[in-house]
Structures are given as C-alpha cells and as structure tokens.
Amino acid sequence: MKEVKFYCWTWCPYCIRAKELLTQKNIAFDEIVIDHDQKAMENLTAVSGSDSVPQIFVDGDYIGGCDELYQLEKDGKFDEIFRS
C-alpha cells in the first residue's frame, strides 16, 4: 500500500472536501494537522512550494491540493497514482 500524507487545517473546507474523496475511495492516509503550528507550515511550504492546504503526498511525491486531487479523479488517473 502506498504511503499518503495529508497536510491540513481542521477547519479548512478544501481539506474537508479532499479528505472526503480519499475516504470515499478507501485510501488510507496519515493526516497531519498543522493548525497553529508555524514551524510545520514553514516545513510544508519548503517541501511543496505552496502555503495553502491541503497538500497531499503519495510515497513522498507531491500531488498537490484539493483541486489537483479532484482533477486526478476526473481524468481517471486517481487509481494509477494512489493504488498502483
């Protein structure tokens, strides 16, 4: 099984939406809540190049955020990325 890391804020509607898709598709993920953690946010920005959440990584590869996740589903590439 692939390792999925999901960086989020608890109150973020995009995080909630992305988490719902991952859950619906039965993808296990490590949820890393960065609420009020400036150092974690700085580390995430350094790795992803973005200061927004959610940010999703699969086996260490940067996937993107909520929009990118849903685009993978729309393009039929979700299973290829998350399951193969």
N, C-alpha and C. Protein backbone atom coordinates (compact mmCIF):
# COMPACT_ATOMS: atom_id res chain seq x y z
N MET A 1 0.84 -1.18 0.00
CA MET A 1 0.00 0.00 0.00
C MET A 1 0.89 1.25 0.00
N LYS A 2 0.46 2.25 -0.72
CA LYS A 2 1.24 3.48 -0.80
C LYS A 2 1.05 4.33 0.46
N GLU A 3 2.09 5.07 0.79
CA GLU A 3 2.03 5.97 1.94
C GLU A 3 1.49 7.33 1.47
N VAL A 4 0.37 7.73 2.05
CA VAL A 4 -0.26 9.00 1.70
C VAL A 4 -0.20 9.91 2.92
N LYS A 5 0.41 11.09 2.73
CA LYS A 5 0.45 12.10 3.78
C LYS A 5 -0.45 13.25 3.35
N PHE A 6 -1.27 13.68 4.28
CA PHE A 6 -2.30 14.69 4.03
C PHE A 6 -2.13 15.81 5.05
N TYR A 7 -1.59 16.93 4.62
CA TYR A 7 -1.39 18.09 5.50
C TYR A 7 -2.62 18.98 5.42
N CYS A 8 -3.15 19.36 6.60
CA CYS A 8 -4.40 20.11 6.58
C CYS A 8 -4.57 20.99 7.81
N TRP A 9 -5.58 21.83 7.73
CA TRP A 9 -6.12 22.56 8.87
C TRP A 9 -7.46 21.92 9.17
N THR A 10 -7.84 21.83 10.42
CA THR A 10 -9.10 21.15 10.78
C THR A 10 -10.33 21.88 10.24
N TRP A 11 -10.28 23.16 10.09
CA TRP A 11 -11.45 23.95 9.71
C TRP A 11 -11.52 24.28 8.22
N CYS A 12 -10.55 23.88 7.45
CA CYS A 12 -10.45 24.25 6.03
C CYS A 12 -11.46 23.47 5.18
N PRO A 13 -12.35 24.17 4.45
CA PRO A 13 -13.34 23.45 3.63
C PRO A 13 -12.72 22.64 2.50
N TYR A 14 -11.59 23.10 1.96
CA TYR A 14 -10.91 22.33 0.90
C TYR A 14 -10.29 21.06 1.47
N CYS A 15 -9.77 21.16 2.68
CA CYS A 15 -9.22 19.98 3.36
C CYS A 15 -10.32 18.96 3.62
N ILE A 16 -11.44 19.42 4.08
CA ILE A 16 -12.58 18.54 4.36
C ILE A 16 -13.04 17.85 3.08
N ARG A 17 -13.11 18.60 2.00
CA ARG A 17 -13.55 18.05 0.71
C ARG A 17 -12.56 17.01 0.19
N ALA A 18 -11.28 17.30 0.28
CA ALA A 18 -10.26 16.36 -0.18
C ALA A 18 -10.27 15.10 0.68
N LYS A 19 -10.40 15.29 1.98
CA LYS A 19 -10.44 14.15 2.90
C LYS A 19 -11.64 13.26 2.59
N GLU A 20 -12.76 13.86 2.23
CA GLU A 20 -13.95 13.09 1.89
C GLU A 20 -13.71 12.20 0.67
N LEU A 21 -13.02 12.73 -0.35
CA LEU A 21 -12.74 11.93 -1.54
C LEU A 21 -11.80 10.77 -1.20
N LEU A 22 -10.75 11.05 -0.46
CA LEU A 22 -9.82 9.98 -0.07
C LEU A 22 -10.55 8.90 0.73
N THR A 23 -11.40 9.30 1.64
CA THR A 23 -12.15 8.35 2.46
C THR A 23 -13.13 7.56 1.60
N GLN A 24 -13.83 8.25 0.71
CA GLN A 24 -14.79 7.60 -0.18
C GLN A 24 -14.10 6.55 -1.07
N LYS A 25 -12.87 6.82 -1.46
CA LYS A 25 -12.11 5.91 -2.33
C LYS A 25 -11.32 4.87 -1.53
N ASN A 26 -11.54 4.85 -0.20
CA ASN A 26 -10.88 3.89 0.69
C ASN A 26 -9.36 3.98 0.65
N ILE A 27 -8.87 5.21 0.63
CA ILE A 27 -7.43 5.45 0.66
C ILE A 27 -7.04 5.79 2.10
N ALA A 28 -6.16 4.98 2.66
CA ALA A 28 -5.65 5.27 4.00
C ALA A 28 -4.63 6.40 3.90
N PHE A 29 -4.66 7.31 4.85
CA PHE A 29 -3.73 8.43 4.82
C PHE A 29 -3.36 8.86 6.22
N ASP A 30 -2.17 9.42 6.30
CA ASP A 30 -1.66 9.97 7.54
C ASP A 30 -2.02 11.45 7.54
N GLU A 31 -2.96 11.82 8.39
CA GLU A 31 -3.43 13.21 8.46
C GLU A 31 -2.51 14.00 9.40
N ILE A 32 -1.91 15.05 8.87
CA ILE A 32 -1.02 15.89 9.64
C ILE A 32 -1.68 17.26 9.76
N VAL A 33 -2.24 17.51 10.93
CA VAL A 33 -2.95 18.76 11.19
C VAL A 33 -1.93 19.81 11.60
N ILE A 34 -1.91 20.92 10.87
CA ILE A 34 -0.90 21.95 11.14
C ILE A 34 -1.50 23.22 11.73
N ASP A 35 -2.70 23.10 12.29
CA ASP A 35 -3.33 24.24 12.96
C ASP A 35 -2.36 24.84 13.98
N HIS A 36 -2.17 26.12 13.92
CA HIS A 36 -1.38 26.86 14.91
C HIS A 36 0.06 26.35 15.06
N ASP A 37 0.61 25.73 14.03
CA ASP A 37 1.97 25.21 14.09
C ASP A 37 2.80 25.86 12.98
N GLN A 38 3.36 27.00 13.28
CA GLN A 38 4.09 27.79 12.27
C GLN A 38 5.26 27.02 11.69
N LYS A 39 5.98 26.29 12.52
CA LYS A 39 7.12 25.53 12.03
C LYS A 39 6.69 24.46 11.03
N ALA A 40 5.60 23.76 11.32
CA ALA A 40 5.08 22.74 10.39
C ALA A 40 4.67 23.38 9.08
N MET A 41 4.05 24.56 9.16
CA MET A 41 3.65 25.27 7.94
C MET A 41 4.86 25.69 7.12
N GLU A 42 5.90 26.16 7.77
CA GLU A 42 7.13 26.54 7.07
C GLU A 42 7.77 25.34 6.39
N ASN A 43 7.79 24.20 7.09
CA ASN A 43 8.34 22.98 6.51
C ASN A 43 7.52 22.52 5.30
N LEU A 44 6.21 22.60 5.42
CA LEU A 44 5.33 22.22 4.32
C LEU A 44 5.56 23.12 3.11
N THR A 45 5.68 24.41 3.35
CA THR A 45 5.92 25.35 2.26
C THR A 45 7.25 25.06 1.58
N ALA A 46 8.26 24.72 2.35
CA ALA A 46 9.57 24.42 1.78
C ALA A 46 9.51 23.18 0.88
N VAL A 47 8.73 22.20 1.28
CA VAL A 47 8.65 20.94 0.53
C VAL A 47 7.72 21.06 -0.67
N SER A 48 6.59 21.74 -0.50
CA SER A 48 5.57 21.78 -1.56
C SER A 48 5.65 23.01 -2.44
N GLY A 49 6.28 24.07 -1.93
CA GLY A 49 6.31 25.32 -2.68
C GLY A 49 5.01 26.09 -2.57
N SER A 50 4.14 25.67 -1.68
CA SER A 50 2.84 26.32 -1.51
C SER A 50 2.58 26.58 -0.03
N ASP A 51 1.84 27.65 0.22
CA ASP A 51 1.48 27.94 1.61
C ASP A 51 -0.02 27.74 1.84
N SER A 52 -0.63 26.93 0.99
CA SER A 52 -2.05 26.63 1.16
C SER A 52 -2.21 25.16 1.53
N VAL A 53 -3.36 24.83 2.04
CA VAL A 53 -3.69 23.44 2.38
C VAL A 53 -5.03 23.11 1.75
N PRO A 54 -5.30 21.86 1.51
CA PRO A 54 -4.48 20.71 1.84
C PRO A 54 -3.32 20.54 0.87
N GLN A 55 -2.34 19.79 1.31
CA GLN A 55 -1.22 19.38 0.47
C GLN A 55 -1.10 17.87 0.65
N ILE A 56 -1.02 17.17 -0.48
CA ILE A 56 -1.07 15.72 -0.46
C ILE A 56 0.20 15.16 -1.12
N PHE A 57 0.78 14.15 -0.45
CA PHE A 57 1.97 13.47 -0.95
C PHE A 57 1.69 11.97 -1.00
N VAL A 58 2.14 11.31 -2.06
CA VAL A 58 2.00 9.87 -2.19
C VAL A 58 3.40 9.28 -2.37
N ASP A 59 3.78 8.44 -1.42
CA ASP A 59 5.14 7.87 -1.40
C ASP A 59 6.20 8.96 -1.57
N GLY A 60 5.97 10.09 -0.94
CA GLY A 60 6.93 11.18 -0.96
C GLY A 60 6.81 12.10 -2.16
N ASP A 61 6.00 11.73 -3.14
CA ASP A 61 5.81 12.58 -4.33
C ASP A 61 4.68 13.56 -4.09
N TYR A 62 4.93 14.81 -4.42
CA TYR A 62 3.94 15.86 -4.22
C TYR A 62 2.83 15.74 -5.27
N ILE A 63 1.59 15.61 -4.80
CA ILE A 63 0.43 15.50 -5.69
C ILE A 63 -0.23 16.87 -5.89
N GLY A 64 -0.35 17.63 -4.83
CA GLY A 64 -0.99 18.94 -4.90
C GLY A 64 -2.05 19.06 -3.82
N GLY A 65 -3.05 19.87 -4.11
CA GLY A 65 -4.11 20.12 -3.15
C GLY A 65 -5.43 19.52 -3.58
N CYS A 66 -6.50 20.11 -3.10
CA CYS A 66 -7.84 19.60 -3.36
C CYS A 66 -8.17 19.61 -4.85
N ASP A 67 -7.89 20.70 -5.54
CA ASP A 67 -8.21 20.79 -6.96
C ASP A 67 -7.47 19.74 -7.77
N GLU A 68 -6.20 19.55 -7.46
CA GLU A 68 -5.41 18.55 -8.18
C GLU A 68 -5.92 17.14 -7.89
N LEU A 69 -6.33 16.89 -6.65
CA LEU A 69 -6.87 15.59 -6.28
C LEU A 69 -8.13 15.28 -7.09
N TYR A 70 -9.04 16.23 -7.15
CA TYR A 70 -10.28 16.02 -7.90
C TYR A 70 -10.03 15.95 -9.41
N GLN A 71 -9.00 16.63 -9.88
CA GLN A 71 -8.67 16.56 -11.31
C GLN A 71 -8.15 15.16 -11.65
N LEU A 72 -7.36 14.57 -10.75
CA LEU A 72 -6.90 13.19 -10.97
C LEU A 72 -8.10 12.25 -11.09
N GLU A 73 -9.10 12.44 -10.24
CA GLU A 73 -10.31 11.62 -10.29
C GLU A 73 -11.05 11.84 -11.61
N LYS A 74 -11.20 13.09 -11.99
CA LYS A 74 -11.90 13.43 -13.24
C LYS A 74 -11.19 12.85 -14.46
N ASP A 75 -9.87 12.88 -14.45
CA ASP A 75 -9.07 12.40 -15.58
C ASP A 75 -8.87 10.88 -15.58
N GLY A 76 -9.40 10.21 -14.57
CA GLY A 76 -9.26 8.76 -14.49
C GLY A 76 -7.88 8.30 -14.06
N LYS A 77 -7.12 9.17 -13.43
CA LYS A 77 -5.75 8.83 -13.01
C LYS A 77 -5.62 8.58 -11.51
N PHE A 78 -6.71 8.69 -10.79
CA PHE A 78 -6.68 8.56 -9.34
C PHE A 78 -6.10 7.21 -8.92
N ASP A 79 -6.67 6.13 -9.44
CA ASP A 79 -6.22 4.79 -9.06
C ASP A 79 -4.76 4.55 -9.45
N GLU A 80 -4.36 5.08 -10.58
CA GLU A 80 -2.97 4.93 -11.04
C GLU A 80 -2.01 5.53 -10.01
N ILE A 81 -2.35 6.68 -9.50
CA ILE A 81 -1.48 7.38 -8.54
C ILE A 81 -1.55 6.77 -7.15
N PHE A 82 -2.74 6.45 -6.69
CA PHE A 82 -2.93 6.03 -5.31
C PHE A 82 -2.90 4.53 -5.08
N ARG A 83 -3.07 3.73 -6.13
CA ARG A 83 -3.17 2.28 -5.91
C ARG A 83 -2.10 1.46 -6.62
N SER A 84 -1.54 1.94 -7.69
CA SER A 84 -0.61 1.09 -8.46
C SER A 84 0.80 1.14 -7.92
